[in-house]
Amino acid sequence: MSEQSDLILIVDDEPDMCWALEHLLHSQGLATRRGLSAREALELMQQERFSRVFLDAKLPDMDGLELARRILEIAPATRVIMVSGYFYRNDVSIQEAVSQGLIHGFISKPFLQEEILKVLTA
């Protein structure tokens, strides 16, 4: 298992979205892995330690909030940031997930680079 504390997992079923996040995070000197499904994400969570997970809300094989629960069962210290074009910041389900500690931040798609960089320092 990797001990790299700044390793970031990107989970999105859209390869272009993964690429955009990877490109931005790599420009900040951060290492990333990508999962295009919940299954891939859970496999990666078993193999490596991630400081953060940028997680899409809707995946073909599992709801993003359910995946967030499973990620935190595996690695409770991981900070999960939901990135979604489906939900909005003021949606009840997002507010509940934040208040329960299920997710540690929310960013709407399309996002600005500054929004991603801001959650890295939060």
PDB file of N, CA and C in Angstrom:
ATOM      1  N   MET A   1       0.845  -1.190   0.000  1.00  0.00           N
ATOM      2  CA  MET A   1       0.000   0.000   0.000  1.00  0.00           C
ATOM      3  C   MET A   1       0.881   1.242   0.000  1.00  0.00           C
ATOM      4  N   SER A   2       0.535   2.174  -0.827  1.00  0.00           N
ATOM      5  CA  SER A   2       1.263   3.431  -0.908  1.00  0.00           C
ATOM      6  C   SER A   2       1.039   4.257   0.341  1.00  0.00           C
ATOM      7  N   GLU A   3       2.076   4.932   0.809  1.00  0.00           N
ATOM      8  CA  GLU A   3       1.956   5.810   1.966  1.00  0.00           C
ATOM      9  C   GLU A   3       1.965   7.276   1.550  1.00  0.00           C
ATOM     10  N   GLN A   4       1.882   7.551   0.279  1.00  0.00           N
ATOM     11  CA  GLN A   4       1.962   8.914  -0.221  1.00  0.00           C
ATOM     12  C   GLN A   4       0.741   9.699   0.251  1.00  0.00           C
ATOM     13  N   SER A   5       0.976  10.729   1.078  1.00  0.00           N
ATOM     14  CA  SER A   5      -0.135  11.426   1.713  1.00  0.00           C
ATOM     15  C   SER A   5      -0.846  12.408   0.787  1.00  0.00           C
ATOM     16  N   ASP A   6      -0.241  12.788  -0.322  1.00  0.00           N
ATOM     17  CA  ASP A   6      -0.904  13.752  -1.198  1.00  0.00           C
ATOM     18  C   ASP A   6      -1.452  13.109  -2.467  1.00  0.00           C
ATOM     19  N   LEU A   7      -1.623  11.816  -2.461  1.00  0.00           N
ATOM     20  CA  LEU A   7      -2.188  11.107  -3.604  1.00  0.00           C
ATOM     21  C   LEU A   7      -3.696  11.353  -3.644  1.00  0.00           C
ATOM     22  N   ILE A   8      -4.204  11.688  -4.824  1.00  0.00           N
ATOM     23  CA  ILE A   8      -5.612  12.057  -4.978  1.00  0.00           C
ATOM     24  C   ILE A   8      -6.279  11.112  -5.971  1.00  0.00           C
ATOM     25  N   LEU A   9      -7.453  10.630  -5.602  1.00  0.00           N
ATOM     26  CA  LEU A   9      -8.244   9.771  -6.472  1.00  0.00           C
ATOM     27  C   LEU A   9      -9.338  10.601  -7.143  1.00  0.00           C
ATOM     28  N   ILE A  10      -9.470  10.442  -8.441  1.00  0.00           N
ATOM     29  CA  ILE A  10     -10.511  11.109  -9.224  1.00  0.00           C
ATOM     30  C   ILE A  10     -11.453  10.019  -9.728  1.00  0.00           C
ATOM     31  N   VAL A  11     -12.737  10.149  -9.383  1.00  0.00           N
ATOM     32  CA  VAL A  11     -13.721   9.146  -9.788  1.00  0.00           C
ATOM     33  C   VAL A  11     -14.812   9.837 -10.601  1.00  0.00           C
ATOM     34  N   ASP A  12     -14.839   9.533 -11.883  1.00  0.00           N
ATOM     35  CA  ASP A  12     -15.842  10.107 -12.780  1.00  0.00           C
ATOM     36  C   ASP A  12     -15.947   9.190 -13.987  1.00  0.00           C
ATOM     37  N   ASP A  13     -17.158   8.951 -14.474  1.00  0.00           N
ATOM     38  CA  ASP A  13     -17.342   8.082 -15.630  1.00  0.00           C
ATOM     39  C   ASP A  13     -17.081   8.800 -16.942  1.00  0.00           C
ATOM     40  N   GLU A  14     -16.764  10.090 -16.883  1.00  0.00           N
ATOM     41  CA  GLU A  14     -16.411  10.849 -18.079  1.00  0.00           C
ATOM     42  C   GLU A  14     -14.883  11.002 -18.138  1.00  0.00           C
ATOM     43  N   PRO A  15     -14.210  10.292 -19.064  1.00  0.00           N
ATOM     44  CA  PRO A  15     -12.749  10.385 -19.149  1.00  0.00           C
ATOM     45  C   PRO A  15     -12.237  11.817 -19.315  1.00  0.00           C
ATOM     46  N   ASP A  16     -12.979  12.665 -20.046  1.00  0.00           N
ATOM     47  CA  ASP A  16     -12.540  14.050 -20.233  1.00  0.00           C
ATOM     48  C   ASP A  16     -12.528  14.815 -18.916  1.00  0.00           C
ATOM     49  N   MET A  17     -13.481  14.546 -18.039  1.00  0.00           N
ATOM     50  CA  MET A  17     -13.517  15.205 -16.733  1.00  0.00           C
ATOM     51  C   MET A  17     -12.332  14.731 -15.892  1.00  0.00           C
ATOM     52  N   CYS A  18     -12.045  13.448 -15.948  1.00  0.00           N
ATOM     53  CA  CYS A  18     -10.868  12.933 -15.230  1.00  0.00           C
ATOM     54  C   CYS A  18      -9.605  13.615 -15.744  1.00  0.00           C
ATOM     55  N   TRP A  19      -9.489  13.704 -17.058  1.00  0.00           N
ATOM     56  CA  TRP A  19      -8.306  14.333 -17.646  1.00  0.00           C
ATOM     57  C   TRP A  19      -8.160  15.773 -17.179  1.00  0.00           C
ATOM     58  N   ALA A  20      -9.256  16.532 -17.179  1.00  0.00           N
ATOM     59  CA  ALA A  20      -9.194  17.947 -16.774  1.00  0.00           C
ATOM     60  C   ALA A  20      -8.733  18.073 -15.323  1.00  0.00           C
ATOM     61  N   LEU A  21      -9.285  17.258 -14.441  1.00  0.00           N
ATOM     62  CA  LEU A  21      -8.873  17.308 -13.035  1.00  0.00           C
ATOM     63  C   LEU A  21      -7.424  16.855 -12.871  1.00  0.00           C
ATOM     64  N   GLU A  22      -7.059  15.779 -13.563  1.00  0.00           N
ATOM     65  CA  GLU A  22      -5.668  15.298 -13.494  1.00  0.00           C
ATOM     66  C   GLU A  22      -4.698  16.386 -13.943  1.00  0.00           C
ATOM     67  N   HIS A  23      -4.987  17.011 -15.055  1.00  0.00           N
ATOM     68  CA  HIS A  23      -4.116  18.047 -15.599  1.00  0.00           C
ATOM     69  C   HIS A  23      -3.933  19.189 -14.593  1.00  0.00           C
ATOM     70  N   LEU A  24      -5.020  19.637 -13.989  1.00  0.00           N
ATOM     71  CA  LEU A  24      -4.955  20.715 -13.009  1.00  0.00           C
ATOM     72  C   LEU A  24      -4.170  20.292 -11.776  1.00  0.00           C
ATOM     73  N   LEU A  25      -4.437  19.112 -11.258  1.00  0.00           N
ATOM     74  CA  LEU A  25      -3.750  18.646 -10.048  1.00  0.00           C
ATOM     75  C   LEU A  25      -2.281  18.367 -10.303  1.00  0.00           C
ATOM     76  N   HIS A  26      -1.963  17.822 -11.458  1.00  0.00           N
ATOM     77  CA  HIS A  26      -0.552  17.584 -11.808  1.00  0.00           C
ATOM     78  C   HIS A  26       0.202  18.901 -11.912  1.00  0.00           C
ATOM     79  N   SER A  27      -0.467  19.961 -12.389  1.00  0.00           N
ATOM     80  CA  SER A  27       0.195  21.266 -12.490  1.00  0.00           C
ATOM     81  C   SER A  27       0.546  21.823 -11.109  1.00  0.00           C
ATOM     82  N   GLN A  28      -0.095  21.278 -10.082  1.00  0.00           N
ATOM     83  CA  GLN A  28       0.184  21.686  -8.706  1.00  0.00           C
ATOM     84  C   GLN A  28       1.163  20.725  -8.026  1.00  0.00           C
ATOM     85  N   GLY A  29       1.722  19.801  -8.808  1.00  0.00           N
ATOM     86  CA  GLY A  29       2.690  18.849  -8.274  1.00  0.00           C
ATOM     87  C   GLY A  29       2.069  17.688  -7.524  1.00  0.00           C
ATOM     88  N   LEU A  30       0.791  17.435  -7.744  1.00  0.00           N
ATOM     89  CA  LEU A  30       0.097  16.363  -7.029  1.00  0.00           C
ATOM     90  C   LEU A  30      -0.049  15.126  -7.907  1.00  0.00           C
ATOM     91  N   ALA A  31       0.044  13.989  -7.276  1.00  0.00           N
ATOM     92  CA  ALA A  31      -0.115  12.711  -7.967  1.00  0.00           C
ATOM     93  C   ALA A  31      -1.573  12.283  -7.904  1.00  0.00           C
ATOM     94  N   THR A  32      -2.047  11.668  -8.975  1.00  0.00           N
ATOM     95  CA  THR A  32      -3.440  11.239  -9.040  1.00  0.00           C
ATOM     96  C   THR A  32      -3.552   9.815  -9.562  1.00  0.00           C
ATOM     97  N   ARG A  33      -4.687   9.231  -9.260  1.00  0.00           N
ATOM     98  CA  ARG A  33      -5.142   7.989  -9.884  1.00  0.00           C
ATOM     99  C   ARG A  33      -6.568   8.264 -10.333  1.00  0.00           C
ATOM    100  N   ARG A  34      -7.043   7.486 -11.276  1.00  0.00           N
ATOM    101  CA  ARG A  34      -8.400   7.686 -11.765  1.00  0.00           C
ATOM    102  C   ARG A  34      -9.171   6.382 -11.724  1.00  0.00           C
ATOM    103  N   GLY A  35     -10.455   6.521 -11.440  1.00  0.00           N
ATOM    104  CA  GLY A  35     -11.390   5.412 -11.511  1.00  0.00           C
ATOM    105  C   GLY A  35     -12.591   5.863 -12.307  1.00  0.00           C
ATOM    106  N   LEU A  36     -12.979   5.087 -13.299  1.00  0.00           N
ATOM    107  CA  LEU A  36     -14.105   5.452 -14.155  1.00  0.00           C
ATOM    108  C   LEU A  36     -15.420   4.846 -13.677  1.00  0.00           C
ATOM    109  N   SER A  37     -15.358   4.121 -12.555  1.00  0.00           N
ATOM    110  CA  SER A  37     -16.558   3.507 -11.986  1.00  0.00           C
ATOM    111  C   SER A  37     -16.362   3.366 -10.478  1.00  0.00           C
ATOM    112  N   ALA A  38     -17.449   3.079  -9.791  1.00  0.00           N
ATOM    113  CA  ALA A  38     -17.357   2.843  -8.347  1.00  0.00           C
ATOM    114  C   ALA A  38     -16.509   1.604  -8.075  1.00  0.00           C
ATOM    115  N   ARG A  39     -16.679   0.587  -8.883  1.00  0.00           N
ATOM    116  CA  ARG A  39     -15.898  -0.643  -8.707  1.00  0.00           C
ATOM    117  C   ARG A  39     -14.410  -0.360  -8.786  1.00  0.00           C
ATOM    118  N   GLU A  40     -13.998   0.388  -9.794  1.00  0.00           N
ATOM    119  CA  GLU A  40     -12.579   0.741  -9.929  1.00  0.00           C
ATOM    120  C   GLU A  40     -12.109   1.564  -8.737  1.00  0.00           C
ATOM    121  N   ALA A  41     -12.940   2.502  -8.305  1.00  0.00           N
ATOM    122  CA  ALA A  41     -12.572   3.350  -7.170  1.00  0.00           C
ATOM    123  C   ALA A  41     -12.364   2.519  -5.910  1.00  0.00           C
ATOM    124  N   LEU A  42     -13.263   1.584  -5.645  1.00  0.00           N
ATOM    125  CA  LEU A  42     -13.133   0.755  -4.444  1.00  0.00           C
ATOM    126  C   LEU A  42     -11.897  -0.136  -4.507  1.00  0.00           C
ATOM    127  N   GLU A  43     -11.582  -0.642  -5.686  1.00  0.00           N
ATOM    128  CA  GLU A  43     -10.356  -1.432  -5.845  1.00  0.00           C
ATOM    129  C   GLU A  43      -9.128  -0.578  -5.542  1.00  0.00           C
ATOM    130  N   LEU A  44      -9.098   0.637  -6.070  1.00  0.00           N
ATOM    131  CA  LEU A  44      -7.967   1.533  -5.821  1.00  0.00           C
ATOM    132  C   LEU A  44      -7.876   1.906  -4.346  1.00  0.00           C
ATOM    133  N   MET A  45      -9.013   2.099  -3.690  1.00  0.00           N
ATOM    134  CA  MET A  45      -9.010   2.435  -2.263  1.00  0.00           C
ATOM    135  C   MET A  45      -8.403   1.307  -1.428  1.00  0.00           C
ATOM    136  N   GLN A  46      -8.554   0.078  -1.888  1.00  0.00           N
ATOM    137  CA  GLN A  46      -7.971  -1.070  -1.189  1.00  0.00           C
ATOM    138  C   GLN A  46      -6.458  -1.151  -1.396  1.00  0.00           C
ATOM    139  N   GLN A  47      -5.970  -0.578  -2.497  1.00  0.00           N
ATOM    140  CA  GLN A  47      -4.568  -0.706  -2.866  1.00  0.00           C
ATOM    141  C   GLN A  47      -3.690   0.433  -2.380  1.00  0.00           C
ATOM    142  N   GLU A  48      -4.257   1.641  -2.297  1.00  0.00           N
ATOM    143  CA  GLU A  48      -3.441   2.817  -2.000  1.00  0.00           C
ATOM    144  C   GLU A  48      -4.148   3.716  -1.002  1.00  0.00           C
ATOM    145  N   ARG A  49      -3.386   4.597  -0.387  1.00  0.00           N
ATOM    146  CA  ARG A  49      -3.938   5.574   0.550  1.00  0.00           C
ATOM    147  C   ARG A  49      -4.053   6.914  -0.166  1.00  0.00           C
ATOM    148  N   PHE A  50      -5.249   7.476  -0.141  1.00  0.00           N
ATOM    149  CA  PHE A  50      -5.526   8.751  -0.802  1.00  0.00           C
ATOM    150  C   PHE A  50      -5.857   9.807   0.244  1.00  0.00           C
ATOM    151  N   SER A  51      -5.320  11.006   0.062  1.00  0.00           N
ATOM    152  CA  SER A  51      -5.661  12.094   0.978  1.00  0.00           C
ATOM    153  C   SER A  51      -7.032  12.663   0.643  1.00  0.00           C
ATOM    154  N   ARG A  52      -7.358  12.688  -0.650  1.00  0.00           N
ATOM    155  CA  ARG A  52      -8.629  13.253  -1.109  1.00  0.00           C
ATOM    156  C   ARG A  52      -9.181  12.411  -2.260  1.00  0.00           C
ATOM    157  N   VAL A  53     -10.500  12.489  -2.385  1.00  0.00           N
ATOM    158  CA  VAL A  53     -11.178  11.871  -3.521  1.00  0.00           C
ATOM    159  C   VAL A  53     -12.107  12.923  -4.118  1.00  0.00           C
ATOM    160  N   PHE A  54     -11.932  13.206  -5.407  1.00  0.00           N
ATOM    161  CA  PHE A  54     -12.872  14.032  -6.154  1.00  0.00           C
ATOM    162  C   PHE A  54     -13.850  13.057  -6.793  1.00  0.00           C
ATOM    163  N   LEU A  55     -15.111  13.138  -6.403  1.00  0.00           N
ATOM    164  CA  LEU A  55     -16.088  12.100  -6.707  1.00  0.00           C
ATOM    165  C   LEU A  55     -17.303  12.659  -7.433  1.00  0.00           C
ATOM    166  N   ASP A  56     -17.616  12.071  -8.578  1.00  0.00           N
ATOM    167  CA  ASP A  56     -18.823  12.427  -9.321  1.00  0.00           C
ATOM    168  C   ASP A  56     -20.039  11.905  -8.557  1.00  0.00           C
ATOM    169  N   ALA A  57     -21.144  12.622  -8.631  1.00  0.00           N
ATOM    170  CA  ALA A  57     -22.349  12.236  -7.907  1.00  0.00           C
ATOM    171  C   ALA A  57     -23.075  11.063  -8.542  1.00  0.00           C
ATOM    172  N   LYS A  58     -22.979  10.931  -9.846  1.00  0.00           N
ATOM    173  CA  LYS A  58     -23.714   9.885 -10.555  1.00  0.00           C
ATOM    174  C   LYS A  58     -22.749   9.042 -11.373  1.00  0.00           C
ATOM    175  N   LEU A  59     -22.628   7.802 -10.970  1.00  0.00           N
ATOM    176  CA  LEU A  59     -21.791   6.832 -11.682  1.00  0.00           C
ATOM    177  C   LEU A  59     -22.690   5.717 -12.202  1.00  0.00           C
ATOM    178  N   PRO A  60     -22.283   5.019 -13.247  1.00  0.00           N
ATOM    179  CA  PRO A  60     -23.167   3.998 -13.818  1.00  0.00           C
ATOM    180  C   PRO A  60     -23.435   2.823 -12.890  1.00  0.00           C
ATOM    181  N   ASP A  61     -22.517   2.542 -11.964  1.00  0.00           N
ATOM    182  CA  ASP A  61     -22.678   1.356 -11.127  1.00  0.00           C
ATOM    183  C   ASP A  61     -22.987   1.651  -9.659  1.00  0.00           C
ATOM    184  N   MET A  62     -23.038   2.935  -9.261  1.00  0.00           N
ATOM    185  CA  MET A  62     -23.365   3.255  -7.877  1.00  0.00           C
ATOM    186  C   MET A  62     -23.570   4.761  -7.731  1.00  0.00           C
ATOM    187  N   ASP A  63     -24.463   5.127  -6.842  1.00  0.00           N
ATOM    188  CA  ASP A  63     -24.665   6.533  -6.514  1.00  0.00           C
ATOM    189  C   ASP A  63     -23.416   7.066  -5.806  1.00  0.00           C
ATOM    190  N   GLY A  64     -23.040   8.307  -6.110  1.00  0.00           N
ATOM    191  CA  GLY A  64     -21.837   8.898  -5.538  1.00  0.00           C
ATOM    192  C   GLY A  64     -21.867   9.006  -4.028  1.00  0.00           C
ATOM    193  N   LEU A  65     -23.028   9.303  -3.439  1.00  0.00           N
ATOM    194  CA  LEU A  65     -23.105   9.395  -1.978  1.00  0.00           C
ATOM    195  C   LEU A  65     -22.907   8.029  -1.322  1.00  0.00           C
ATOM    196  N   GLU A  66     -23.428   6.986  -1.947  1.00  0.00           N
ATOM    197  CA  GLU A  66     -23.187   5.631  -1.423  1.00  0.00           C
ATOM    198  C   GLU A  66     -21.707   5.274  -1.540  1.00  0.00           C
ATOM    199  N   LEU A  67     -21.094   5.643  -2.656  1.00  0.00           N
ATOM    200  CA  LEU A  67     -19.664   5.386  -2.814  1.00  0.00           C
ATOM    201  C   LEU A  67     -18.863   6.153  -1.762  1.00  0.00           C
ATOM    202  N   ALA A  68     -19.262   7.376  -1.468  1.00  0.00           N
ATOM    203  CA  ALA A  68     -18.583   8.149  -0.422  1.00  0.00           C
ATOM    204  C   ALA A  68     -18.636   7.398   0.907  1.00  0.00           C
ATOM    205  N   ARG A  69     -19.785   6.827   1.246  1.00  0.00           N
ATOM    206  CA  ARG A  69     -19.910   6.032   2.485  1.00  0.00           C
ATOM    207  C   ARG A  69     -18.912   4.875   2.483  1.00  0.00           C
ATOM    208  N   ARG A  70     -18.845   4.172   1.375  1.00  0.00           N
ATOM    209  CA  ARG A  70     -17.953   3.009   1.295  1.00  0.00           C
ATOM    210  C   ARG A  70     -16.483   3.418   1.354  1.00  0.00           C
ATOM    211  N   ILE A  71     -16.160   4.543   0.722  1.00  0.00           N
ATOM    212  CA  ILE A  71     -14.784   5.050   0.777  1.00  0.00           C
ATOM    213  C   ILE A  71     -14.398   5.346   2.217  1.00  0.00           C
ATOM    214  N   LEU A  72     -15.288   5.987   2.952  1.00  0.00           N
ATOM    215  CA  LEU A  72     -14.985   6.343   4.342  1.00  0.00           C
ATOM    216  C   LEU A  72     -14.954   5.127   5.258  1.00  0.00           C
ATOM    217  N   GLU A  73     -15.649   4.061   4.900  1.00  0.00           N
ATOM    218  CA  GLU A  73     -15.533   2.814   5.660  1.00  0.00           C
ATOM    219  C   GLU A  73     -14.135   2.226   5.502  1.00  0.00           C
ATOM    220  N   ILE A  74     -13.580   2.351   4.307  1.00  0.00           N
ATOM    221  CA  ILE A  74     -12.238   1.830   4.026  1.00  0.00           C
ATOM    222  C   ILE A  74     -11.168   2.732   4.628  1.00  0.00           C
ATOM    223  N   ALA A  75     -11.332   4.040   4.458  1.00  0.00           N
ATOM    224  CA  ALA A  75     -10.308   5.011   4.872  1.00  0.00           C
ATOM    225  C   ALA A  75     -10.994   6.239   5.467  1.00  0.00           C
ATOM    226  N   PRO A  76     -11.325   6.202   6.763  1.00  0.00           N
ATOM    227  CA  PRO A  76     -12.097   7.284   7.386  1.00  0.00           C
ATOM    228  C   PRO A  76     -11.460   8.673   7.330  1.00  0.00           C
ATOM    229  N   ALA A  77     -10.155   8.756   7.185  1.00  0.00           N
ATOM    230  CA  ALA A  77      -9.491  10.062   7.169  1.00  0.00           C
ATOM    231  C   ALA A  77      -9.493  10.721   5.787  1.00  0.00           C
ATOM    232  N   THR A  78      -9.976  10.027   4.785  1.00  0.00           N
ATOM    233  CA  THR A  78      -9.990  10.561   3.422  1.00  0.00           C
ATOM    234  C   THR A  78     -11.012  11.691   3.312  1.00  0.00           C
ATOM    235  N   ARG A  79     -10.621  12.772   2.674  1.00  0.00           N
ATOM    236  CA  ARG A  79     -11.530  13.902   2.433  1.00  0.00           C
ATOM    237  C   ARG A  79     -12.186  13.708   1.070  1.00  0.00           C
ATOM    238  N   VAL A  80     -13.502  13.582   1.057  1.00  0.00           N
ATOM    239  CA  VAL A  80     -14.256  13.348  -0.168  1.00  0.00           C
ATOM    240  C   VAL A  80     -14.895  14.662  -0.611  1.00  0.00           C
ATOM    241  N   ILE A  81     -14.606  15.048  -1.843  1.00  0.00           N
ATOM    242  CA  ILE A  81     -15.178  16.256  -2.428  1.00  0.00           C
ATOM    243  C   ILE A  81     -16.078  15.830  -3.583  1.00  0.00           C
ATOM    244  N   MET A  82     -17.358  16.146  -3.484  1.00  0.00           N
ATOM    245  CA  MET A  82     -18.312  15.809  -4.533  1.00  0.00           C
ATOM    246  C   MET A  82     -18.214  16.856  -5.645  1.00  0.00           C
ATOM    247  N   VAL A  83     -18.099  16.372  -6.886  1.00  0.00           N
ATOM    248  CA  VAL A  83     -18.066  17.246  -8.057  1.00  0.00           C
ATOM    249  C   VAL A  83     -19.224  16.798  -8.935  1.00  0.00           C
ATOM    250  N   SER A  84     -20.210  17.687  -9.105  1.00  0.00           N
ATOM    251  CA  SER A  84     -21.442  17.223  -9.733  1.00  0.00           C
ATOM    252  C   SER A  84     -22.108  18.250 -10.628  1.00  0.00           C
ATOM    253  N   GLY A  85     -22.644  17.773 -11.723  1.00  0.00           N
ATOM    254  CA  GLY A  85     -23.523  18.560 -12.558  1.00  0.00           C
ATOM    255  C   GLY A  85     -24.971  18.182 -12.293  1.00  0.00           C
ATOM    256  N   TYR A  86     -25.178  17.207 -11.431  1.00  0.00           N
ATOM    257  CA  TYR A  86     -26.518  16.719 -11.108  1.00  0.00           C
ATOM    258  C   TYR A  86     -27.107  17.447  -9.899  1.00  0.00           C
ATOM    259  N   PHE A  87     -26.308  17.602  -8.860  1.00  0.00           N
ATOM    260  CA  PHE A  87     -26.746  18.284  -7.644  1.00  0.00           C
ATOM    261  C   PHE A  87     -26.279  19.735  -7.657  1.00  0.00           C
ATOM    262  N   TYR A  88     -26.832  20.512  -6.754  1.00  0.00           N
ATOM    263  CA  TYR A  88     -26.377  21.866  -6.487  1.00  0.00           C
ATOM    264  C   TYR A  88     -25.999  21.966  -5.021  1.00  0.00           C
ATOM    265  N   ARG A  89     -25.186  22.942  -4.690  1.00  0.00           N
ATOM    266  CA  ARG A  89     -24.679  23.109  -3.328  1.00  0.00           C
ATOM    267  C   ARG A  89     -25.801  23.170  -2.298  1.00  0.00           C
ATOM    268  N   ASN A  90     -26.943  23.762  -2.646  1.00  0.00           N
ATOM    269  CA  ASN A  90     -28.018  23.922  -1.671  1.00  0.00           C
ATOM    270  C   ASN A  90     -29.030  22.778  -1.673  1.00  0.00           C
ATOM    271  N   ASP A  91     -28.793  21.714  -2.437  1.00  0.00           N
ATOM    272  CA  ASP A  91     -29.673  20.542  -2.392  1.00  0.00           C
ATOM    273  C   ASP A  91     -29.639  19.930  -1.000  1.00  0.00           C
ATOM    274  N   VAL A  92     -30.798  19.492  -0.534  1.00  0.00           N
ATOM    275  CA  VAL A  92     -30.912  18.924   0.808  1.00  0.00           C
ATOM    276  C   VAL A  92     -29.964  17.736   0.986  1.00  0.00           C
ATOM    277  N   SER A  93     -29.884  16.867  -0.004  1.00  0.00           N
ATOM    278  CA  SER A  93     -29.031  15.680   0.130  1.00  0.00           C
ATOM    279  C   SER A  93     -27.556  16.064   0.266  1.00  0.00           C
ATOM    280  N   ILE A  94     -27.127  17.127  -0.407  1.00  0.00           N
ATOM    281  CA  ILE A  94     -25.741  17.588  -0.297  1.00  0.00           C
ATOM    282  C   ILE A  94     -25.509  18.213   1.071  1.00  0.00           C
ATOM    283  N   GLN A  95     -26.449  19.043   1.526  1.00  0.00           N
ATOM    284  CA  GLN A  95     -26.319  19.666   2.844  1.00  0.00           C
ATOM    285  C   GLN A  95     -26.258  18.604   3.941  1.00  0.00           C
ATOM    286  N   GLU A  96     -27.083  17.572   3.837  1.00  0.00           N
ATOM    287  CA  GLU A  96     -27.069  16.483   4.818  1.00  0.00           C
ATOM    288  C   GLU A  96     -25.742  15.727   4.772  1.00  0.00           C
ATOM    289  N   ALA A  97     -25.255  15.456   3.573  1.00  0.00           N
ATOM    290  CA  ALA A  97     -23.985  14.732   3.439  1.00  0.00           C
ATOM    291  C   ALA A  97     -22.832  15.519   4.052  1.00  0.00           C
ATOM    292  N   VAL A  98     -22.837  16.843   3.875  1.00  0.00           N
ATOM    293  CA  VAL A  98     -21.792  17.680   4.475  1.00  0.00           C
ATOM    294  C   VAL A  98     -21.931  17.674   5.993  1.00  0.00           C
ATOM    295  N   SER A  99     -23.142  17.861   6.504  1.00  0.00           N
ATOM    296  CA  SER A  99     -23.333  17.924   7.955  1.00  0.00           C
ATOM    297  C   SER A  99     -23.012  16.588   8.625  1.00  0.00           C
ATOM    298  N   GLN A 100     -23.194  15.485   7.919  1.00  0.00           N
ATOM    299  CA  GLN A 100     -22.877  14.160   8.462  1.00  0.00           C
ATOM    300  C   GLN A 100     -21.403  13.803   8.304  1.00  0.00           C
ATOM    301  N   GLY A 101     -20.640  14.655   7.611  1.00  0.00           N
ATOM    302  CA  GLY A 101     -19.233  14.358   7.386  1.00  0.00           C
ATOM    303  C   GLY A 101     -19.000  13.349   6.284  1.00  0.00           C
ATOM    304  N   LEU A 102     -20.024  13.058   5.515  1.00  0.00           N
ATOM    305  CA  LEU A 102     -19.903  12.104   4.415  1.00  0.00           C
ATOM    306  C   LEU A 102     -19.080  12.685   3.278  1.00  0.00           C
ATOM    307  N   ILE A 103     -19.307  13.967   2.995  1.00  0.00           N
ATOM    308  CA  ILE A 103     -18.463  14.670   2.033  1.00  0.00           C
ATOM    309  C   ILE A 103     -17.910  15.917   2.711  1.00  0.00           C
ATOM    310  N   HIS A 104     -16.742  16.343   2.268  1.00  0.00           N
ATOM    311  CA  HIS A 104     -16.041  17.464   2.898  1.00  0.00           C
ATOM    312  C   HIS A 104     -16.062  18.717   2.041  1.00  0.00           C
ATOM    313  N   GLY A 105     -16.749  18.646   0.930  1.00  0.00           N
ATOM    314  CA  GLY A 105     -16.861  19.791   0.044  1.00  0.00           C
ATOM    315  C   GLY A 105     -17.697  19.440  -1.160  1.00  0.00           C
ATOM    316  N   PHE A 106     -18.164  20.471  -1.845  1.00  0.00           N
ATOM    317  CA  PHE A 106     -18.999  20.287  -3.022  1.00  0.00           C
ATOM    318  C   PHE A 106     -18.623  21.321  -4.071  1.00  0.00           C
ATOM    319  N   ILE A 107     -18.464  20.856  -5.303  1.00  0.00           N
ATOM    320  CA  ILE A 107     -18.156  21.739  -6.430  1.00  0.00           C
ATOM    321  C   ILE A 107     -19.103  21.388  -7.574  1.00  0.00           C
ATOM    322  N   SER A 108     -19.768  22.415  -8.113  1.00  0.00           N
ATOM    323  CA  SER A 108     -20.687  22.211  -9.246  1.00  0.00           C
ATOM    324  C   SER A 108     -19.903  22.126 -10.551  1.00  0.00           C
ATOM    325  N   LYS A 109     -20.394  21.280 -11.457  1.00  0.00           N
ATOM    326  CA  LYS A 109     -19.884  21.252 -12.824  1.00  0.00           C
ATOM    327  C   LYS A 109     -20.739  22.197 -13.651  1.00  0.00           C
ATOM    328  N   PRO A 110     -20.196  22.928 -14.571  1.00  0.00           N
ATOM    329  CA  PRO A 110     -18.759  23.062 -14.800  1.00  0.00           C
ATOM    330  C   PRO A 110     -18.135  23.890 -13.682  1.00  0.00           C
ATOM    331  N   PHE A 111     -16.879  23.609 -13.398  1.00  0.00           N
ATOM    332  CA  PHE A 111     -16.204  24.283 -12.292  1.00  0.00           C
ATOM    333  C   PHE A 111     -15.095  25.183 -12.814  1.00  0.00           C
ATOM    334  N   LEU A 112     -14.688  26.094 -11.967  1.00  0.00           N
ATOM    335  CA  LEU A 112     -13.522  26.930 -12.249  1.00  0.00           C
ATOM    336  C   LEU A 112     -12.304  26.294 -11.602  1.00  0.00           C
ATOM    337  N   GLN A 113     -11.152  26.457 -12.218  1.00  0.00           N
ATOM    338  CA  GLN A 113      -9.920  25.898 -11.648  1.00  0.00           C
ATOM    339  C   GLN A 113      -9.719  26.362 -10.211  1.00  0.00           C
ATOM    340  N   GLU A 114     -10.055  27.614  -9.933  1.00  0.00           N
ATOM    341  CA  GLU A 114      -9.862  28.175  -8.607  1.00  0.00           C
ATOM    342  C   GLU A 114     -10.659  27.418  -7.553  1.00  0.00           C
ATOM    343  N   GLU A 115     -11.840  26.891  -7.927  1.00  0.00           N
ATOM    344  CA  GLU A 115     -12.656  26.135  -6.979  1.00  0.00           C
ATOM    345  C   GLU A 115     -11.957  24.845  -6.555  1.00  0.00           C
ATOM    346  N   ILE A 116     -11.328  24.194  -7.515  1.00  0.00           N
ATOM    347  CA  ILE A 116     -10.593  22.961  -7.204  1.00  0.00           C
ATOM    348  C   ILE A 116      -9.388  23.287  -6.317  1.00  0.00           C
ATOM    349  N   LEU A 117      -8.651  24.306  -6.684  1.00  0.00           N
ATOM    350  CA  LEU A 117      -7.460  24.675  -5.914  1.00  0.00           C
ATOM    351  C   LEU A 117      -7.821  25.107  -4.502  1.00  0.00           C
ATOM    352  N   LYS A 118      -8.975  25.749  -4.327  1.00  0.00           N
ATOM    353  CA  LYS A 118      -9.384  26.195  -3.011  1.00  0.00           C
ATOM    354  C   LYS A 118      -9.655  25.017  -2.068  1.00  0.00           C
ATOM    355  N   VAL A 119     -10.269  23.949  -2.567  1.00  0.00           N
ATOM    356  CA  VAL A 119     -10.537  22.812  -1.681  1.00  0.00           C
ATOM    357  C   VAL A 119      -9.269  22.049  -1.329  1.00  0.00           C
ATOM    358  N   LEU A 120      -8.221  22.232  -2.101  1.00  0.00           N
ATOM    359  CA  LEU A 120      -6.950  21.581  -1.764  1.00  0.00           C
ATOM    360  C   LEU A 120      -6.329  22.168  -0.515  1.00  0.00           C
ATOM    361  N   THR A 121      -6.606  23.438  -0.256  1.00  0.00           N
ATOM    362  CA  THR A 121      -6.020  24.093   0.915  1.00  0.00           C
ATOM    363  C   THR A 121      -6.969  24.130   2.106  1.00  0.00           C
ATOM    364  N   ALA A 122      -8.202  23.678   1.897  1.00  0.00           N
ATOM    365  CA  ALA A 122      -9.198  23.710   2.989  1.00  0.00           C
ATOM    366  C   ALA A 122      -8.989  22.555   3.945  1.00  0.00           C
TER     367      ALA A 122
END
